[in-house]
Amino acid sequence: MRHRKKGILDKRGAMLIGFFKKKPTGTCYSQLSSMLVKDIMIKDVLCAQRAEKLSEAAHMMIGAHASCLVVLEGEKPTGIITERDFIKKLPMEGNHADDMIVNDL
């Protein structure tokens, strides 16, 4: 038996018929659907060089109340560092943050 209706298959192969047809009403989704990225983005991005001390980058993030910063090599963006990186990747033993650079993380 063939399915005549078109839809999207989920990971298990089950048909998700009409999954994207209904739009929620009365929620923030209606506002978000009309917004453009340029409406919420910022132009002055917080950046740090790869060779910069990690402690300086952390202080910059704290001072700017930012949760991330873009890592640069010269003028070229090469990555991003987040609060989560500090939590997950910094060694727990000792105080090595003064010796580490952004590239180490």
N, C-alpha and C. Protein backbone atom coordinates (compact mmCIF):
# COMPACT_ATOMS: atom_id res chain seq x y z
N MET A 1 0.84 -1.17 0.00
CA MET A 1 0.00 0.00 0.00
C MET A 1 0.89 1.24 0.00
N ARG A 2 0.63 2.17 -0.88
CA ARG A 2 1.43 3.38 -1.01
C ARG A 2 0.77 4.54 -0.30
N HIS A 3 1.63 5.40 0.26
CA HIS A 3 1.13 6.62 0.87
C HIS A 3 0.96 7.67 -0.21
N ARG A 4 -0.19 8.26 -0.30
CA ARG A 4 -0.43 9.31 -1.28
C ARG A 4 -0.05 10.68 -0.74
N LYS A 5 -0.04 10.80 0.58
CA LYS A 5 0.28 12.09 1.18
C LYS A 5 1.78 12.25 1.27
N LYS A 6 2.23 13.46 1.03
CA LYS A 6 3.64 13.76 1.15
C LYS A 6 3.91 14.31 2.54
N GLY A 7 5.04 13.98 3.08
CA GLY A 7 5.40 14.48 4.40
C GLY A 7 6.88 14.32 4.61
N ILE A 8 7.30 14.49 5.83
CA ILE A 8 8.70 14.38 6.21
C ILE A 8 8.85 13.15 7.08
N LEU A 9 9.93 12.41 6.88
CA LEU A 9 10.18 11.23 7.69
C LEU A 9 11.05 11.60 8.88
N ASP A 10 10.71 11.02 10.04
CA ASP A 10 11.57 11.25 11.19
C ASP A 10 12.70 10.22 11.18
N LYS A 11 13.51 10.16 12.25
CA LYS A 11 14.66 9.27 12.30
C LYS A 11 14.26 7.80 12.16
N ARG A 12 13.10 7.44 12.61
CA ARG A 12 12.64 6.06 12.56
C ARG A 12 11.95 5.73 11.24
N GLY A 13 11.79 6.72 10.39
CA GLY A 13 11.13 6.49 9.12
C GLY A 13 9.62 6.71 9.18
N ALA A 14 9.11 7.16 10.31
CA ALA A 14 7.67 7.40 10.45
C ALA A 14 7.32 8.71 9.74
N MET A 15 6.19 8.74 9.13
CA MET A 15 5.76 9.90 8.36
C MET A 15 5.24 10.99 9.30
N LEU A 16 5.76 12.18 9.12
CA LEU A 16 5.31 13.34 9.89
C LEU A 16 4.48 14.20 8.96
N ILE A 17 3.26 13.84 8.78
CA ILE A 17 2.38 14.53 7.84
C ILE A 17 1.91 15.83 8.45
N GLY A 18 2.10 16.90 7.71
CA GLY A 18 1.62 18.20 8.15
C GLY A 18 2.36 18.76 9.33
N PHE A 19 3.55 18.27 9.59
CA PHE A 19 4.31 18.70 10.77
C PHE A 19 4.60 20.20 10.75
N PHE A 20 4.93 20.72 9.58
CA PHE A 20 5.29 22.12 9.48
C PHE A 20 4.16 22.99 8.96
N LYS A 21 3.00 22.43 8.74
CA LYS A 21 1.91 23.21 8.15
C LYS A 21 1.25 24.14 9.16
N LYS A 22 1.10 23.69 10.38
CA LYS A 22 0.44 24.51 11.39
C LYS A 22 1.44 25.41 12.06
N LYS A 23 1.14 26.67 12.10
CA LYS A 23 1.99 27.63 12.80
C LYS A 23 1.33 27.98 14.12
N PRO A 24 2.08 27.94 15.21
CA PRO A 24 1.51 28.33 16.49
C PRO A 24 1.04 29.78 16.45
N THR A 25 -0.08 30.03 17.04
CA THR A 25 -0.60 31.39 17.08
C THR A 25 -0.57 31.90 18.50
N GLY A 26 -0.42 33.19 18.63
CA GLY A 26 -0.43 33.80 19.97
C GLY A 26 0.83 33.52 20.76
N THR A 27 1.90 33.17 20.10
CA THR A 27 3.15 32.91 20.79
C THR A 27 4.26 33.77 20.20
N CYS A 28 5.44 33.60 20.72
CA CYS A 28 6.57 34.38 20.22
C CYS A 28 6.99 33.93 18.82
N TYR A 29 6.53 32.77 18.38
CA TYR A 29 6.89 32.27 17.06
C TYR A 29 6.43 33.21 15.94
N SER A 30 5.28 33.81 16.11
CA SER A 30 4.80 34.73 15.08
C SER A 30 5.69 35.96 14.99
N GLN A 31 6.22 36.40 16.11
CA GLN A 31 7.15 37.53 16.11
C GLN A 31 8.49 37.13 15.53
N LEU A 32 8.98 35.96 15.90
CA LEU A 32 10.27 35.50 15.41
C LEU A 32 10.27 35.25 13.91
N SER A 33 9.17 34.78 13.38
CA SER A 33 9.12 34.47 11.96
C SER A 33 9.23 35.71 11.09
N SER A 34 8.93 36.87 11.64
CA SER A 34 9.02 38.10 10.86
C SER A 34 10.32 38.86 11.11
N MET A 35 11.16 38.38 12.04
CA MET A 35 12.41 39.06 12.36
C MET A 35 13.52 38.62 11.43
N LEU A 36 14.46 39.51 11.20
CA LEU A 36 15.66 39.21 10.44
C LEU A 36 16.85 39.14 11.39
N VAL A 37 17.88 38.42 10.98
CA VAL A 37 19.07 38.31 11.81
C VAL A 37 19.65 39.69 12.11
N LYS A 38 19.63 40.57 11.12
CA LYS A 38 20.19 41.91 11.33
C LYS A 38 19.45 42.70 12.40
N ASP A 39 18.21 42.30 12.72
CA ASP A 39 17.44 42.98 13.75
C ASP A 39 17.95 42.69 15.17
N ILE A 40 18.63 41.57 15.36
CA ILE A 40 19.07 41.20 16.70
C ILE A 40 20.57 41.07 16.84
N MET A 41 21.30 41.10 15.72
CA MET A 41 22.76 40.95 15.80
C MET A 41 23.43 42.23 16.27
N ILE A 42 24.65 42.07 16.73
CA ILE A 42 25.44 43.24 17.12
C ILE A 42 26.61 43.37 16.15
N LYS A 43 27.07 44.59 15.98
CA LYS A 43 28.17 44.83 15.04
C LYS A 43 29.52 44.82 15.74
N ASP A 44 29.56 45.21 16.99
CA ASP A 44 30.81 45.24 17.74
C ASP A 44 30.96 43.91 18.49
N VAL A 45 31.66 42.98 17.86
CA VAL A 45 31.80 41.64 18.41
C VAL A 45 33.01 41.60 19.34
N LEU A 46 32.86 40.93 20.46
CA LEU A 46 33.93 40.77 21.43
C LEU A 46 34.93 39.75 20.90
N CYS A 47 36.20 40.13 20.79
CA CYS A 47 37.22 39.27 20.18
C CYS A 47 38.46 39.17 21.06
N ALA A 48 39.19 38.08 20.87
CA ALA A 48 40.48 37.88 21.53
C ALA A 48 41.41 37.18 20.53
N GLN A 49 42.68 37.48 20.63
CA GLN A 49 43.68 36.82 19.78
C GLN A 49 44.02 35.44 20.37
N ARG A 50 44.43 34.52 19.50
CA ARG A 50 44.77 33.16 19.94
C ARG A 50 45.90 33.15 20.95
N ALA A 51 46.84 34.07 20.83
CA ALA A 51 48.01 34.10 21.72
C ALA A 51 47.78 34.90 23.00
N GLU A 52 46.59 35.47 23.16
CA GLU A 52 46.27 36.27 24.34
C GLU A 52 46.14 35.37 25.57
N LYS A 53 46.48 35.94 26.73
CA LYS A 53 46.34 35.16 27.97
C LYS A 53 44.87 34.83 28.21
N LEU A 54 44.64 33.62 28.68
CA LEU A 54 43.29 33.16 28.94
C LEU A 54 42.62 33.97 30.04
N SER A 55 43.39 34.38 31.03
CA SER A 55 42.83 35.18 32.12
C SER A 55 42.34 36.53 31.61
N GLU A 56 43.05 37.12 30.65
CA GLU A 56 42.61 38.39 30.08
C GLU A 56 41.31 38.22 29.29
N ALA A 57 41.21 37.12 28.56
CA ALA A 57 39.98 36.84 27.81
C ALA A 57 38.80 36.65 28.77
N ALA A 58 39.05 35.96 29.88
CA ALA A 58 37.99 35.73 30.87
C ALA A 58 37.54 37.05 31.48
N HIS A 59 38.48 37.92 31.81
CA HIS A 59 38.14 39.22 32.38
C HIS A 59 37.37 40.08 31.38
N MET A 60 37.74 39.97 30.11
CA MET A 60 37.03 40.71 29.07
C MET A 60 35.57 40.24 28.98
N MET A 61 35.36 38.94 29.04
CA MET A 61 34.00 38.39 28.98
C MET A 61 33.19 38.82 30.20
N ILE A 62 33.80 38.75 31.36
CA ILE A 62 33.12 39.13 32.60
C ILE A 62 32.76 40.61 32.58
N GLY A 63 33.71 41.45 32.19
CA GLY A 63 33.48 42.90 32.15
C GLY A 63 32.40 43.31 31.17
N ALA A 64 32.28 42.57 30.07
CA ALA A 64 31.28 42.90 29.05
C ALA A 64 29.97 42.16 29.27
N HIS A 65 29.89 41.34 30.32
CA HIS A 65 28.70 40.51 30.59
C HIS A 65 28.37 39.68 29.35
N ALA A 66 29.42 39.09 28.76
CA ALA A 66 29.26 38.28 27.55
C ALA A 66 29.51 36.82 27.88
N SER A 67 28.84 35.94 27.18
CA SER A 67 29.00 34.51 27.41
C SER A 67 29.95 33.87 26.41
N CYS A 68 30.41 34.65 25.42
CA CYS A 68 31.35 34.10 24.45
C CYS A 68 32.13 35.23 23.80
N LEU A 69 33.21 34.83 23.12
CA LEU A 69 33.96 35.78 22.31
C LEU A 69 34.56 35.05 21.12
N VAL A 70 34.80 35.80 20.06
CA VAL A 70 35.35 35.25 18.83
C VAL A 70 36.87 35.25 18.95
N VAL A 71 37.49 34.13 18.56
CA VAL A 71 38.93 34.00 18.61
C VAL A 71 39.48 34.34 17.22
N LEU A 72 40.48 35.23 17.21
CA LEU A 72 41.07 35.70 15.95
C LEU A 72 42.52 35.25 15.83
N GLU A 73 42.93 35.08 14.59
CA GLU A 73 44.34 34.92 14.27
C GLU A 73 44.65 36.04 13.28
N GLY A 74 45.26 37.09 13.79
CA GLY A 74 45.40 38.30 12.98
C GLY A 74 44.04 38.97 12.89
N GLU A 75 43.53 39.12 11.68
CA GLU A 75 42.20 39.70 11.47
C GLU A 75 41.15 38.63 11.15
N LYS A 76 41.58 37.38 11.02
CA LYS A 76 40.68 36.30 10.59
C LYS A 76 40.09 35.55 11.78
N PRO A 77 38.76 35.42 11.83
CA PRO A 77 38.14 34.63 12.90
C PRO A 77 38.48 33.15 12.71
N THR A 78 38.94 32.51 13.78
CA THR A 78 39.30 31.09 13.70
C THR A 78 38.50 30.22 14.65
N GLY A 79 37.71 30.82 15.50
CA GLY A 79 36.93 30.03 16.44
C GLY A 79 36.14 30.89 17.39
N ILE A 80 35.58 30.22 18.39
CA ILE A 80 34.80 30.91 19.41
C ILE A 80 35.11 30.24 20.75
N ILE A 81 35.11 31.02 21.79
CA ILE A 81 35.32 30.49 23.14
C ILE A 81 34.13 30.91 23.97
N THR A 82 33.60 29.97 24.73
CA THR A 82 32.38 30.22 25.51
C THR A 82 32.62 29.96 26.99
N GLU A 83 31.65 30.36 27.79
CA GLU A 83 31.71 30.07 29.23
C GLU A 83 31.82 28.57 29.46
N ARG A 84 31.11 27.83 28.66
CA ARG A 84 31.12 26.37 28.79
C ARG A 84 32.52 25.80 28.58
N ASP A 85 33.28 26.40 27.67
CA ASP A 85 34.66 25.95 27.44
C ASP A 85 35.48 26.10 28.71
N PHE A 86 35.29 27.21 29.42
CA PHE A 86 36.01 27.41 30.67
C PHE A 86 35.63 26.34 31.70
N ILE A 87 34.36 26.02 31.76
CA ILE A 87 33.88 25.05 32.75
C ILE A 87 34.31 23.64 32.40
N LYS A 88 34.17 23.25 31.16
CA LYS A 88 34.42 21.87 30.75
C LYS A 88 35.89 21.55 30.50
N LYS A 89 36.66 22.52 30.03
CA LYS A 89 38.00 22.20 29.53
C LYS A 89 39.15 22.64 30.41
N LEU A 90 38.91 23.53 31.37
CA LEU A 90 40.00 23.94 32.25
C LEU A 90 40.30 22.84 33.26
N PRO A 91 41.58 22.57 33.49
CA PRO A 91 41.92 21.56 34.49
C PRO A 91 41.51 22.02 35.89
N MET A 92 40.98 21.12 36.68
CA MET A 92 40.48 21.46 38.01
C MET A 92 41.62 21.65 39.01
N GLU A 93 42.73 20.94 38.82
CA GLU A 93 43.82 21.02 39.80
C GLU A 93 44.70 22.23 39.53
N GLY A 94 45.02 22.93 40.57
CA GLY A 94 45.92 24.07 40.47
C GLY A 94 45.32 25.28 39.78
N ASN A 95 46.11 26.33 39.72
CA ASN A 95 45.67 27.57 39.08
C ASN A 95 46.55 27.80 37.85
N HIS A 96 46.22 27.12 36.76
CA HIS A 96 47.01 27.21 35.54
C HIS A 96 46.50 28.27 34.58
N ALA A 97 45.41 28.93 34.92
CA ALA A 97 44.80 29.90 34.02
C ALA A 97 45.73 31.06 33.71
N ASP A 98 46.63 31.42 34.64
CA ASP A 98 47.55 32.53 34.39
C ASP A 98 48.59 32.17 33.33
N ASP A 99 48.94 30.89 33.23
CA ASP A 99 49.94 30.44 32.27
C ASP A 99 49.34 30.09 30.91
N MET A 100 48.05 29.88 30.85
CA MET A 100 47.41 29.41 29.62
C MET A 100 47.06 30.56 28.69
N ILE A 101 47.04 30.25 27.40
CA ILE A 101 46.59 31.23 26.41
C ILE A 101 45.27 30.74 25.81
N VAL A 102 44.59 31.62 25.09
CA VAL A 102 43.29 31.29 24.50
C VAL A 102 43.38 30.03 23.64
N ASN A 103 44.45 29.90 22.88
CA ASN A 103 44.62 28.75 21.99
C ASN A 103 44.67 27.43 22.75
N ASP A 104 45.12 27.43 24.00
CA ASP A 104 45.17 26.21 24.82
C ASP A 104 43.78 25.67 25.11
N LEU A 105 42.83 26.54 25.23
CA LEU A 105 41.47 26.13 25.56
C LEU A 105 40.72 25.73 24.32
